[in-house]
Protein backbone atom coordinates (compact mmCIF):
# COMPACT_ATOMS: atom_id res chain seq x y z
CA MET A 1 162.96 320.71 176.66
CA SER A 2 162.40 322.91 173.75
CA GLU A 3 159.21 322.72 171.48
CA PRO A 4 159.51 321.69 167.75
CA PRO A 5 159.26 324.42 165.34
CA VAL A 6 155.74 325.10 163.98
CA GLU A 7 156.98 325.97 160.49
CA SER A 8 158.03 322.35 159.58
CA ASN A 9 154.49 320.90 160.09
CA THR A 10 152.98 323.63 158.08
CA GLY A 11 155.38 322.99 155.20
CA SER A 12 154.55 319.25 155.01
CA ALA A 13 150.87 320.01 154.78
CA ASP A 14 151.44 322.42 151.97
CA LEU A 15 153.62 319.95 150.06
CA LYS A 16 150.94 317.22 150.34
CA ALA A 17 148.29 319.64 149.08
CA LYS A 18 150.44 320.48 146.07
CA VAL A 19 151.00 316.78 145.22
CA GLN A 20 147.28 316.12 145.44
CA SER A 21 146.59 318.95 143.07
CA LEU A 22 149.03 317.50 140.48
CA ARG A 23 147.32 313.96 140.23
CA ILE A 24 145.20 313.16 137.11
CA PRO A 25 141.55 312.70 137.96
CA THR A 26 140.19 309.11 137.40
CA GLU A 27 137.54 308.68 134.50
CA GLN A 28 134.06 307.62 135.41
CA LYS A 29 133.00 304.11 134.22
CA ARG A 30 130.64 304.06 131.35
CA PRO A 31 127.58 301.77 131.70
CA GLY A 32 127.52 298.66 129.34
CA GLY A 33 131.20 298.68 128.47
CA SER A 34 131.76 295.04 129.48
CA ARG A 35 128.93 293.76 127.21
CA LEU A 36 130.38 295.42 124.12
CA ALA A 37 133.77 293.86 124.79
CA TRP A 38 132.30 290.35 125.03
CA PHE A 39 130.33 290.83 121.78
CA LEU A 40 133.47 291.79 119.91
CA VAL A 41 135.26 288.73 121.26
CA TRP A 42 132.52 286.32 120.08
CA LEU A 43 132.34 287.99 116.68
CA LEU A 44 136.06 287.53 116.19
CA LEU A 45 135.85 283.85 117.16
CA GLY A 46 132.96 283.21 114.66
CA ALA A 47 134.83 284.83 111.79
CA ASN A 48 137.91 282.72 112.49
CA GLY A 49 135.79 279.50 112.56
CA TYR A 50 134.04 280.24 109.22
CA THR A 51 137.35 281.02 107.55
CA GLY A 52 138.77 277.71 108.70
CA TYR A 53 135.72 275.79 107.43
CA ARG A 54 135.97 277.37 103.95
CA VAL A 55 139.67 276.54 103.77
CA TYR A 56 138.84 272.91 104.62
CA GLN A 57 136.18 272.73 101.87
CA LEU A 58 138.52 274.11 99.21
CA GLN A 59 141.24 271.66 100.17
CA SER A 60 138.78 268.71 99.97
CA ALA A 61 137.46 269.78 96.54
CA ALA A 62 140.99 270.14 95.18
CA ALA A 63 141.91 266.67 96.40
CA SER A 64 138.74 265.10 94.86
CA GLN A 65 139.33 266.79 91.50
CA ALA A 66 142.92 265.61 91.41
CA LYS A 67 141.77 262.04 92.13
CA GLU A 68 139.11 262.10 89.35
CA LEU A 69 141.57 263.53 86.84
CA ALA A 70 143.99 260.73 87.61
CA THR A 71 141.23 258.12 87.10
CA VAL A 72 140.23 259.60 83.71
CA THR A 73 143.83 259.61 82.52
CA THR A 74 144.24 255.96 83.52
CA ALA A 75 141.00 254.92 81.74
CA GLU A 76 141.99 256.67 78.50
CA SER A 77 145.35 254.97 78.37
CA THR A 78 144.19 251.41 79.10
CA SER A 79 141.46 250.26 76.65
CA ARG A 80 138.61 251.02 74.31
CA SER A 81 135.09 249.72 74.78
CA PRO A 82 134.34 246.56 72.70
CA GLY A 83 130.77 247.85 72.20
CA GLY A 84 132.06 250.87 70.28
CA ILE A 85 131.82 253.53 73.03
CA GLU A 86 135.24 255.00 73.75
CA PRO A 87 135.79 256.66 77.13
CA ASN A 88 135.77 260.45 76.94
CA SER A 89 134.71 260.25 73.30
CA GLY A 90 131.99 262.36 71.77
CA ALA A 91 128.74 261.09 70.22
CA ALA A 92 128.76 258.45 67.51
CA ASP A 93 128.76 261.13 64.83
CA GLY A 94 132.53 261.69 65.10
CA VAL A 95 132.76 264.59 67.55
CA SER A 96 136.32 264.93 68.83
CA PRO A 97 136.92 263.80 72.42
CA GLN A 98 136.60 266.44 75.11
CA PRO A 99 138.16 266.29 78.55
CA SER A 100 135.66 265.38 81.26
CA SER A 101 135.81 265.58 85.01
CA THR A 102 133.50 262.52 85.31
CA PRO A 103 135.21 259.15 84.71
CA LEU A 104 133.42 256.81 82.25
CA PRO A 105 132.99 253.14 83.17
CA ALA A 106 135.33 250.51 81.86
CA PRO A 107 134.15 247.93 79.26
CA GLY A 108 131.50 245.59 80.65
CA ARG A 109 130.52 248.07 83.32
CA ILE A 110 127.46 250.25 83.77
CA ALA A 111 127.38 253.31 81.53
CA LEU A 112 124.03 254.75 82.57
CA GLU A 113 120.79 253.94 84.37
CA SER A 114 117.45 255.44 83.47
CA ARG A 115 113.79 254.95 84.28
CA GLY A 116 111.09 254.51 81.65
CA TYR A 117 107.81 252.81 80.83
CA ILE A 118 107.07 249.54 79.05
CA MET A 119 104.98 249.83 75.89
CA PRO A 120 104.02 247.53 72.99
CA ALA A 121 106.03 247.98 69.83
CA LYS A 122 102.72 247.78 67.90
CA GLN A 123 99.40 248.56 69.56
CA ILE A 124 96.37 248.19 67.28
CA LEU A 125 92.93 249.78 67.59
CA VAL A 126 90.56 247.22 66.05
CA SER A 127 87.75 249.18 64.36
CA PRO A 128 84.90 248.01 62.11
CA LYS A 129 85.02 248.88 58.42
CA VAL A 130 81.22 248.95 58.15
CA SER A 131 78.50 250.30 60.40
CA GLY A 132 75.91 248.20 62.16
CA MET A 133 74.83 246.48 65.34
CA ILE A 134 77.09 243.91 67.01
CA VAL A 135 75.25 240.59 67.18
CA GLU A 136 78.20 238.49 68.39
CA LEU A 137 81.22 239.44 70.50
CA ASN A 138 84.13 237.16 71.42
CA ILE A 139 86.35 239.62 73.33
CA ALA A 140 87.68 239.68 76.91
CA GLU A 141 90.51 241.69 78.44
CA GLY A 142 93.66 239.60 78.67
CA LYS A 143 92.43 237.02 76.17
CA ARG A 144 95.09 235.86 73.72
CA VAL A 145 93.90 235.49 70.14
CA THR A 146 95.47 234.24 66.93
CA LYS A 147 95.51 236.17 63.68
CA GLY A 148 92.24 235.50 61.84
CA ASP A 149 90.15 234.61 64.90
CA VAL A 150 86.61 236.05 64.87
CA LEU A 151 86.36 238.91 67.35
CA ALA A 152 82.87 240.21 66.52
CA VAL A 153 80.02 239.87 64.00
CA ILE A 154 77.91 242.79 62.73
CA GLU A 155 74.31 242.39 61.52
CA ALA A 156 74.51 241.69 57.77
CA THR A 157 70.89 241.80 56.49
CA GLU A 158 71.28 245.03 54.55
CA TYR A 159 74.67 244.10 53.14
CA GLN A 160 73.44 240.65 52.05
CA SER A 161 70.50 242.20 50.17
CA GLU A 162 72.78 244.62 48.36
CA PHE A 163 75.11 241.79 47.41
CA ASP A 164 72.23 239.71 45.97
CA ARG A 165 70.92 242.68 43.96
CA GLN A 166 74.30 243.42 42.43
CA THR A 167 74.74 239.75 41.59
CA ALA A 168 71.48 239.75 39.60
CA MET A 169 72.40 242.97 37.80
CA LEU A 170 75.74 241.51 36.79
CA SER A 171 74.04 238.45 35.32
CA ALA A 172 71.73 240.67 33.22
CA ALA A 173 74.65 242.75 31.99
CA HIS A 174 76.56 239.62 30.97
CA GLN A 175 73.59 238.31 28.99
CA LYS A 176 73.18 241.60 27.16
CA LEU A 177 76.83 241.62 26.18
CA LEU A 178 76.64 238.00 25.06
CA GLU A 179 73.70 238.80 22.82
CA LEU A 180 75.58 241.60 21.12
CA GLU A 181 78.78 239.62 20.73
CA THR A 182 77.00 236.52 19.35
CA GLY A 183 75.19 238.49 16.66
CA THR A 184 71.91 237.71 14.81
CA ARG A 185 70.58 234.19 14.70
CA PRO A 186 69.90 232.55 11.30
CA GLU A 187 66.19 232.46 11.99
CA GLU A 188 66.12 236.25 12.37
CA VAL A 189 67.91 236.67 9.05
CA SER A 190 65.43 234.33 7.33
CA GLN A 191 62.53 236.26 8.79
CA ALA A 192 63.96 239.53 7.49
CA GLU A 193 64.45 238.01 4.05
CA ALA A 194 60.83 236.84 4.01
CA ASP A 195 59.63 240.29 4.99
CA LEU A 196 61.66 241.81 2.17
CA ALA A 197 60.24 239.33 -0.36
CA GLN A 198 56.68 240.06 0.75
CA ALA A 199 57.27 243.78 0.46
CA GLN A 200 58.68 243.40 -3.04
CA THR A 201 55.65 241.33 -4.12
CA GLN A 202 53.31 243.97 -2.76
CA LEU A 203 55.36 246.61 -4.54
CA GLU A 204 54.86 244.86 -7.86
CA GLU A 205 51.09 244.73 -7.27
CA ASP A 206 50.95 248.40 -6.29
CA GLU A 207 52.96 249.30 -9.39
CA ARG A 208 50.54 247.38 -11.62
CA GLN A 209 47.54 249.13 -10.06
CA TYR A 210 49.18 252.52 -10.48
CA LYS A 211 49.90 251.91 -14.17
CA LEU A 212 46.33 250.71 -14.67
CA GLN A 213 44.85 253.86 -13.16
CA LEU A 214 47.21 255.94 -15.23
CA GLN A 215 46.04 254.19 -18.44
CA LEU A 216 42.41 254.69 -17.48
CA LYS A 217 43.02 258.36 -16.85
CA LYS A 218 44.46 258.76 -20.31
CA GLN A 219 41.31 257.11 -21.75
CA ASN A 220 39.09 259.28 -19.57
CA ALA A 221 37.71 256.11 -18.00
CA GLY A 222 39.18 256.51 -14.56
CA THR A 223 38.93 259.18 -11.88
CA GLU A 224 41.59 261.50 -10.57
CA THR A 225 41.03 260.22 -7.04
CA ALA A 226 41.70 256.61 -7.91
CA LEU A 227 44.86 257.58 -9.75
CA THR A 228 46.13 259.57 -6.79
CA GLN A 229 45.49 256.72 -4.33
CA ALA A 230 47.23 254.19 -6.52
CA GLU A 231 50.24 256.45 -6.90
CA ALA A 232 50.48 257.03 -3.12
CA GLN A 233 50.21 253.33 -2.40
CA PHE A 234 52.93 252.58 -4.91
CA GLU A 235 55.35 255.16 -3.46
CA SER A 236 54.69 254.03 0.12
CA GLN A 237 55.39 250.41 -0.77
CA LYS A 238 58.67 251.39 -2.39
CA LYS A 239 59.76 252.88 1.00
CA ARG A 240 58.73 249.72 2.82
CA VAL A 241 60.80 247.62 0.49
CA GLU A 242 63.83 249.85 1.06
CA ARG A 243 63.41 249.65 4.82
CA SER A 244 63.18 245.87 4.75
CA ARG A 245 66.29 245.69 2.63
CA LEU A 246 68.27 247.84 5.10
CA ALA A 247 67.01 245.86 8.09
CA LEU A 248 68.19 242.65 6.45
CA ALA A 249 71.62 244.20 5.81
CA LEU A 250 71.95 245.25 9.49
CA LEU A 251 71.02 241.79 10.69
CA ARG A 252 73.64 240.25 8.43
CA GLN A 253 76.33 242.70 9.71
CA GLY A 254 75.56 242.10 13.40
CA ALA A 255 75.67 244.61 16.31
CA ARG A 256 77.65 247.83 16.06
CA ALA A 257 81.08 247.87 17.74
CA GLU A 258 80.10 250.89 19.82
CA ARG A 259 77.09 249.10 21.31
CA VAL A 260 79.31 246.14 22.19
CA GLU A 261 81.77 248.43 23.98
CA ILE A 262 78.94 250.10 25.89
CA ALA A 263 77.70 246.71 27.03
CA ARG A 264 81.19 245.75 28.18
CA ALA A 265 81.51 248.97 30.17
CA GLU A 266 78.17 248.29 31.84
CA VAL A 267 79.43 244.86 32.86
CA LYS A 268 82.54 246.39 34.47
CA GLU A 269 80.44 248.95 36.31
CA VAL A 270 78.20 246.30 37.79
CA GLN A 271 81.23 244.17 38.69
CA ALA A 272 82.67 247.10 40.67
CA ASP A 273 79.41 247.57 42.54
CA LEU A 274 79.30 243.85 43.27
CA SER A 275 82.89 243.90 44.60
CA ARG A 276 82.00 246.74 46.96
CA ALA A 277 78.89 244.90 48.15
CA ALA A 278 80.94 241.75 48.72
CA TRP A 279 83.58 243.77 50.64
CA ARG A 280 80.93 245.23 52.93
CA LEU A 281 79.33 241.87 53.49
CA GLY A 282 82.68 240.25 54.26
CA ASN A 283 83.61 242.97 56.76
CA CYS A 284 80.55 242.21 58.86
CA VAL A 285 82.83 239.58 60.42
CA ILE A 286 85.67 241.31 62.31
CA ARG A 287 88.80 239.18 62.68
CA ALA A 288 92.01 239.64 64.68
CA PRO A 289 94.59 241.45 62.52
CA ILE A 290 97.55 240.02 64.46
CA THR A 291 98.36 237.36 67.03
CA GLY A 292 98.32 239.05 70.39
CA THR A 293 96.44 239.90 73.57
CA ILE A 294 93.29 241.97 74.07
CA LEU A 295 94.29 245.04 76.11
CA ARG A 296 91.01 246.93 76.30
CA LYS A 297 87.38 246.12 75.41
CA ASN A 298 85.52 249.08 73.92
CA SER A 299 82.14 247.62 72.84
CA GLU A 300 79.43 245.28 74.00
CA GLU A 301 77.01 243.01 72.17
CA GLY A 302 74.08 245.09 70.94
CA ASN A 303 76.12 248.27 70.43
CA ILE A 304 75.82 250.06 67.10
CA VAL A 305 79.30 250.83 65.79
CA ASN A 306 80.26 253.31 63.12
CA SER A 307 83.75 253.44 61.66
CA ILE A 308 83.50 257.12 60.68
CA ALA A 309 82.00 258.38 63.94
CA PHE A 310 84.00 260.65 66.24
CA ASN A 311 81.76 260.01 69.24
CA GLY A 312 80.21 256.81 70.57
CA SER A 313 81.36 253.34 69.60
CA PHE A 314 83.86 253.47 66.77
CA SER A 315 86.18 250.63 67.85
CA ILE A 316 85.79 247.08 69.07
CA CYS A 317 88.94 246.70 71.17
CA GLU A 318 92.65 247.44 71.50
CA MET A 319 95.20 244.67 71.20
CA ALA A 320 98.96 244.21 71.03
CA ASP A 321 101.61 241.52 70.79
CA LEU A 322 103.02 241.29 74.30
CA ALA A 323 105.99 239.31 73.02
CA ASN A 324 107.16 242.45 71.24
CA LEU A 325 107.66 245.04 73.98
CA GLU A 326 109.84 248.14 74.24
CA VAL A 327 110.84 250.54 77.00
CA ASP A 328 110.23 254.21 76.32
CA LEU A 329 112.92 256.39 77.93
CA LYS A 330 114.15 259.96 77.75
CA ILE A 331 117.91 260.43 78.08
CA LEU A 332 119.31 263.83 78.99
CA GLU A 333 121.29 265.52 76.24
CA SER A 334 124.38 265.52 78.43
CA ASP A 335 124.20 261.69 78.67
CA ILE A 336 123.11 260.79 75.13
CA ARG A 337 126.72 260.29 74.06
CA LYS A 338 126.75 257.18 76.24
CA ILE A 339 123.94 255.59 74.20
CA GLN A 340 124.09 254.05 70.72
CA VAL A 341 121.90 251.74 68.63
CA GLY A 342 122.57 248.06 69.38
CA GLN A 343 123.94 248.74 72.86
CA LYS A 344 123.29 245.97 75.41
CA CYS A 345 121.02 246.67 78.37
CA SER A 346 119.28 244.97 81.24
CA ILE A 347 115.67 245.74 82.16
CA THR A 348 114.08 245.34 85.58
CA ALA A 349 110.43 246.14 86.19
CA GLU A 350 109.79 247.88 89.49
CA ALA A 351 106.93 245.45 90.10
CA TRP A 352 109.35 242.50 89.80
CA PRO A 353 112.70 243.68 91.15
CA GLY A 354 114.09 240.15 91.17
CA ARG A 355 113.57 239.52 87.42
CA VAL A 356 116.14 240.84 84.97
CA TYR A 357 115.55 240.85 81.21
CA GLU A 358 118.00 241.35 78.38
CA GLY A 359 117.52 244.38 76.16
CA THR A 360 119.02 246.21 73.21
CA VAL A 361 118.83 249.87 72.18
CA ASP A 362 116.56 249.73 69.13
CA ARG A 363 116.45 253.35 67.99
CA LEU A 364 116.95 256.97 68.98
CA LEU A 365 114.00 259.10 67.99
CA PRO A 366 114.82 261.95 65.60
CA ILE A 367 113.29 264.80 67.65
CA ALA A 368 114.46 265.92 71.09
CA ASP A 369 112.21 267.12 73.91
CA ARG A 370 113.05 270.80 74.27
CA ALA A 371 111.17 271.22 77.55
CA GLN A 372 113.05 268.42 79.31
CA GLY A 373 116.32 268.75 77.43
CA ALA A 374 116.21 265.04 76.63
CA ILE A 375 116.09 262.68 73.64
CA PRO A 376 113.51 259.84 73.53
CA ILE A 377 114.85 256.37 72.82
CA ARG A 378 113.37 252.87 72.54
CA VAL A 379 114.90 249.76 74.09
CA LYS A 380 113.77 246.37 72.76
CA VAL A 381 113.07 243.78 75.47
CA LYS A 382 113.83 240.09 74.93
CA ILE A 383 111.01 238.09 76.52
CA PRO A 384 111.00 234.27 76.80
CA ALA A 385 108.08 232.55 75.03
CA ASP A 386 106.67 231.15 78.27
CA GLU A 387 106.60 234.61 79.93
CA GLU A 388 104.62 236.49 77.28
CA GLY A 389 102.16 238.74 79.11
CA VAL A 390 102.94 237.16 82.50
CA TYR A 391 105.26 239.66 84.18
CA LEU A 392 105.90 242.61 81.87
CA LYS A 393 102.78 244.56 80.93
CA PRO A 394 102.26 247.84 79.03
CA GLU A 395 102.57 251.07 81.04
CA MET A 396 104.60 249.42 83.83
CA SER A 397 107.65 251.37 85.00
CA ALA A 398 111.07 249.82 84.52
CA VAL A 399 114.72 250.64 85.16
CA VAL A 400 117.10 250.18 82.23
CA THR A 401 120.81 249.70 82.84
CA PHE A 402 123.05 250.48 79.86
CA PHE A 403 126.41 248.72 79.64
CA VAL A 404 129.66 249.64 77.96
CA GLY A 405 130.31 246.62 75.75
CA GLU A 406 128.92 243.27 76.85
CA PRO A 407 127.15 242.93 80.22
CA PRO A 408 129.22 241.33 82.99
CA ALA A 409 129.10 237.53 83.08
CA GLU A 410 127.72 237.47 86.60
CA LYS A 411 124.44 239.11 85.47
CA PRO A 412 121.40 236.79 85.76
CA LEU A 413 120.11 235.23 82.58
CA VAL A 414 117.10 236.63 80.77
CA GLY A 415 113.86 235.82 82.53
CA THR A 416 115.51 234.20 85.55
CA THR A 417 115.24 235.30 89.12
CA ALA A 418 118.22 237.20 90.43
CA PRO A 419 119.75 235.83 93.63
């Protein structure tokens, strides 16, 4: 048996070595490659989820806007508000309607709700008009008083003395004026006539003595001294006679018109002083200026009050009529078009959530609040007579509901308890 040839085995080995040399070498694995792949996968999944969520939001917003627009269109085409507020209209000053994405309520429905505070329409600070010590005080917080009731009494000794003095001065001034207006009495005229007659008689005697001395001087029987004295006496008596004659004429004419006018002016001056003294004396009794309730007591018996003082006791009390209450609110400028004077409202105090009161928009204040972007308004509250000061009190918070037109019939009556 012959042996296989050696050359064929050698050739196979060479062929295998050549094939091995032609194969591409395998790359070495990099460390961490699997982690990077997983991170990229999770990142792609998160991006796809966020994109889907945003698409869902946009589709929901588009559907809501389309629904609101359809509601607004229906409300505009159906009716106007009987209270004067037209849906999608501007303010009451005639601004042309503007399209809105927020539907306005139908007539008889709620237009707006806002929170405010109850306050008296008129709150009075009762202060004394004169200074002095309080000797009587009839004030208590919560006490209801009637107009004219005595609240306090101030010590009046000084004011009474001044009043009495001015009264006496007025009486004296009246008597002086009466004397001037009445004129001279007949007895005074007769007395003046008698004085004039006596002076004339004395003048005749002095004239005779003077002529006698003059005759003696011519005969060199008299002295120069005696003649001079007689002449001086005669001239002096002539002046007395003239004075008496003028005095009699003045008495017959009466007082001068100027003196009468001065006396009348003095009477008016004293009357003015007396009126002031009477005013001060009368204001020692402090009375209630209105019918209402005492809110705050500011003085005690024995206090010295002064109406012109800036510190200390300058007021007796604060009072208000609790049957005349308002709600102070601030409405945003964007909502003020929903409010107008005379609009019907309902008021509910947070302290009494079951009690609903009727209200009306009384006025819109003329100045807006720049800081809050709001306009202050006042809502008048209708309070039953038997509930004055019982439930609603100043500074309490309340919620006001504004209606378009008349409130719905199912609302509770004023002052009644809601079911």
